[in-house]
Protein backbone atom coordinates (compact mmCIF):
# COMPACT_ATOMS: atom_id res chain seq x y z
CA MET A 1 0.35 0.12 0.02
CA SER A 2 1.57 3.28 -0.90
CA ASN A 3 1.57 6.69 1.97
CA LEU A 4 0.54 8.43 -0.94
CA PRO A 5 -2.74 9.97 -0.66
CA THR A 6 -5.70 9.15 -3.59
CA VAL A 7 -4.34 10.22 -7.37
CA PHE A 8 -7.62 12.39 -7.82
CA TRP A 9 -6.64 13.63 -11.46
CA SER A 10 -3.92 13.31 -14.32
CA GLY A 11 -3.60 15.07 -17.10
CA PRO A 12 -0.89 16.85 -19.50
CA VAL A 13 -0.85 20.68 -19.34
CA GLN A 14 -2.97 22.23 -22.22
CA SER A 15 -1.49 24.85 -24.15
CA GLU A 16 -4.45 27.48 -23.83
CA TRP A 17 -3.10 26.94 -19.54
CA THR A 18 -0.16 28.63 -20.09
CA ASP A 19 1.74 32.38 -20.46
CA TYR A 20 4.14 33.75 -23.14
CA ASN A 21 6.14 31.52 -21.43
CA GLY A 22 4.71 28.38 -21.78
CA HIS A 23 4.57 27.81 -17.69
CA LEU A 24 1.59 27.03 -16.55
CA ARG A 25 -1.11 30.27 -15.30
CA ASP A 26 -1.90 30.87 -11.86
CA ALA A 27 -5.04 30.58 -12.13
CA PHE A 28 -5.04 26.95 -14.49
CA TYR A 29 -2.89 25.90 -10.92
CA LEU A 30 -6.20 26.02 -8.79
CA LEU A 31 -8.48 25.35 -12.00
CA ILE A 32 -6.46 21.68 -12.25
CA ILE A 33 -6.87 21.57 -8.88
CA SER A 34 -10.51 21.91 -8.92
CA PHE A 35 -11.09 18.77 -11.11
CA ALA A 36 -9.47 16.62 -8.76
CA GLY A 37 -11.58 17.86 -6.36
CA ASP A 38 -14.81 17.25 -9.04
CA GLU A 39 -13.71 13.65 -8.35
CA LEU A 40 -13.84 13.77 -4.79
CA MET A 41 -16.22 14.86 -4.25
CA VAL A 42 -17.79 12.04 -6.53
CA GLN A 43 -15.94 9.24 -4.20
CA ILE A 44 -17.75 10.91 -1.23
CA GLY A 45 -21.17 10.89 -2.69
CA LEU A 46 -21.84 13.89 -3.81
CA GLY A 47 -21.15 13.81 -7.48
CA PRO A 48 -23.28 14.83 -9.99
CA GLU A 49 -26.08 12.32 -9.02
CA GLY A 50 -25.76 12.39 -5.20
CA ARG A 51 -26.26 16.31 -6.08
CA GLU A 52 -29.16 15.81 -7.19
CA GLN A 53 -31.11 13.08 -4.97
CA LEU A 54 -29.31 15.00 -1.53
CA GLY A 55 -29.73 18.71 -3.01
CA HIS A 56 -26.13 19.16 -1.25
CA SER A 57 -23.07 20.16 -2.50
CA MET A 58 -19.64 21.84 -1.24
CA PHE A 59 -17.99 25.34 -1.56
CA THR A 60 -15.09 26.51 -1.62
CA LEU A 61 -14.72 28.62 1.96
CA GLU A 62 -10.95 28.84 1.43
CA SER A 63 -7.65 27.92 -0.10
CA HIS A 64 -4.13 28.90 0.61
CA VAL A 65 -2.02 27.88 -3.23
CA GLN A 66 1.09 27.38 -2.86
CA TYR A 67 3.06 27.82 -6.33
CA LEU A 68 6.71 25.41 -5.39
CA ARG A 69 7.48 24.62 -8.77
CA GLU A 70 7.15 26.70 -12.88
CA VAL A 71 5.40 23.71 -14.78
CA LYS A 72 5.38 24.04 -18.64
CA VAL A 73 2.96 22.87 -20.96
CA ASP A 74 2.77 19.12 -22.09
CA GLN A 75 3.65 18.06 -18.91
CA VAL A 76 1.60 15.33 -17.02
CA VAL A 77 0.81 16.80 -14.24
CA GLU A 78 -1.18 14.51 -11.02
CA VAL A 79 -3.64 16.42 -8.87
CA ARG A 80 -3.29 13.47 -5.49
CA GLY A 81 -5.88 14.34 -2.36
CA GLN A 82 -6.29 14.25 1.37
CA ILE A 83 -8.57 14.87 4.68
CA ILE A 84 -6.85 16.21 6.95
CA ALA A 85 -10.05 16.78 9.24
CA TYR A 86 -13.48 17.42 9.21
CA ASP A 87 -16.91 18.26 10.96
CA ALA A 88 -20.51 18.03 10.53
CA LYS A 89 -20.53 20.53 7.60
CA ARG A 90 -16.80 21.40 6.58
CA LEU A 91 -14.01 18.97 5.28
CA HIS A 92 -10.13 20.30 5.62
CA LEU A 93 -8.75 19.29 2.38
CA ASN A 94 -4.97 19.11 1.18
CA PHE A 95 -4.19 18.79 -2.85
CA SER A 96 -1.20 18.39 -3.96
CA LEU A 97 -0.02 18.36 -7.75
CA HIS A 98 3.08 17.32 -9.16
CA LEU A 99 4.43 15.86 -12.20
CA GLN A 100 2.93 12.01 -13.17
CA GLY A 101 4.64 9.62 -10.79
CA GLU A 102 7.29 12.14 -8.82
CA GLN A 103 7.68 14.21 -6.39
CA PRO A 104 8.22 16.83 -4.78
CA PRO A 105 4.82 18.74 -5.08
CA LEU A 106 4.77 21.64 -8.28
CA ALA A 107 2.00 23.21 -5.37
CA THR A 108 -0.44 22.29 -2.84
CA ALA A 109 -3.74 23.67 -2.15
CA GLU A 110 -4.96 23.49 1.32
CA GLN A 111 -8.52 24.40 0.91
CA LEU A 112 -11.45 24.39 3.76
CA TRP A 113 -15.07 23.37 2.32
CA LEU A 114 -18.50 23.78 3.53
CA ASN A 115 -21.99 21.32 3.00
CA VAL A 116 -24.63 23.78 1.48
CA ASP A 117 -28.17 22.39 1.47
CA MET A 118 -28.64 24.22 -2.33
CA SER A 119 -32.62 24.99 -1.01
CA GLY A 120 -31.35 27.65 0.43
CA PRO A 121 -28.59 27.95 0.32
CA LYS A 122 -27.52 27.33 4.00
CA ALA A 123 -25.02 25.71 5.45
CA THR A 124 -26.38 21.74 6.71
CA PRO A 125 -24.34 18.97 7.63
CA LEU A 126 -23.37 16.20 5.34
CA ALA A 127 -25.66 13.65 5.00
CA PRO A 128 -25.13 10.48 6.48
CA THR A 129 -24.31 8.55 3.56
CA VAL A 130 -21.55 11.48 2.53
CA ALA A 131 -20.44 11.71 6.45
CA SER A 132 -20.13 7.35 6.46
CA ALA A 133 -17.59 7.77 2.57
CA VAL A 134 -15.87 11.07 4.77
CA ALA A 135 -15.22 9.45 7.73
CA LEU A 136 -13.75 6.03 5.95
CA MET A 137 -11.40 8.57 3.24
CA ALA A 138 -10.51 10.36 6.61
CA LYS A 139 -9.34 7.32 8.48
CA ALA A 140 -7.76 6.50 5.50
CA ASP A 141 -6.19 9.66 4.95
CA GLN A 142 -4.34 9.47 8.61
CA ALA A 143 -1.78 7.86 7.83
CA LEU A 144 -0.90 9.03 4.39
CA GLU A 145 2.04 11.65 3.82
CA THR A 146 1.48 15.17 3.88
CA GLN A 147 2.23 17.64 0.76
CA GLY A 148 3.33 20.91 1.16
CA SER A 149 2.71 23.01 4.71
CA ILE A 150 -0.38 22.70 6.63
CA GLY A 151 -1.99 25.50 8.42
CA ARG A 152 1.21 27.59 7.10
CA ARG A 153 -0.21 31.61 6.97
CA ILE A 154 1.39 34.51 4.57
CA GLY A 155 3.60 36.83 6.03
CA LEU A 156 7.06 38.64 6.27
CA PRO A 157 9.52 38.30 8.59
CA ALA A 158 9.47 40.83 10.90
CA PRO A 159 11.53 43.59 10.56
CA LYS A 160 15.04 43.51 12.72
CA PRO A 161 15.48 45.77 14.97
CA SER A 162 18.21 48.76 13.93
CA ALA A 163 21.40 48.27 16.21
């Protein structure tokens, strides 16, 4: 058994996702990670059928992306993901972008998702079937190697006192 998180998406970097230098644009790192989030939703029971049946979906409340290495056109990449923590309504997730089958990460995205009843829309507890799937996935993910810096803050170092 691998100690790496589940691969939720893989594919080549499209030329329309790149800038004039042939590097992946900032926004497209998150687009690729979002594709992986769609698959995670399928696996916990909130794919198209689950959303229709339950009337629930997940909204991203917060996302912290770290751009660690450049990604170029036509490179084949994959997104790995894991549940770091969860409660009745929220998932704390970590996604990492890699060259297919390789380490270290090219980028990471720590995210907080909220379960939403779409009839409101309003925050609501996870449906029992979804909560069970989340609990199983989270338990398996606890033993996995985490990519990136969970809980890292953005900021500049404090200025050094003048002598």
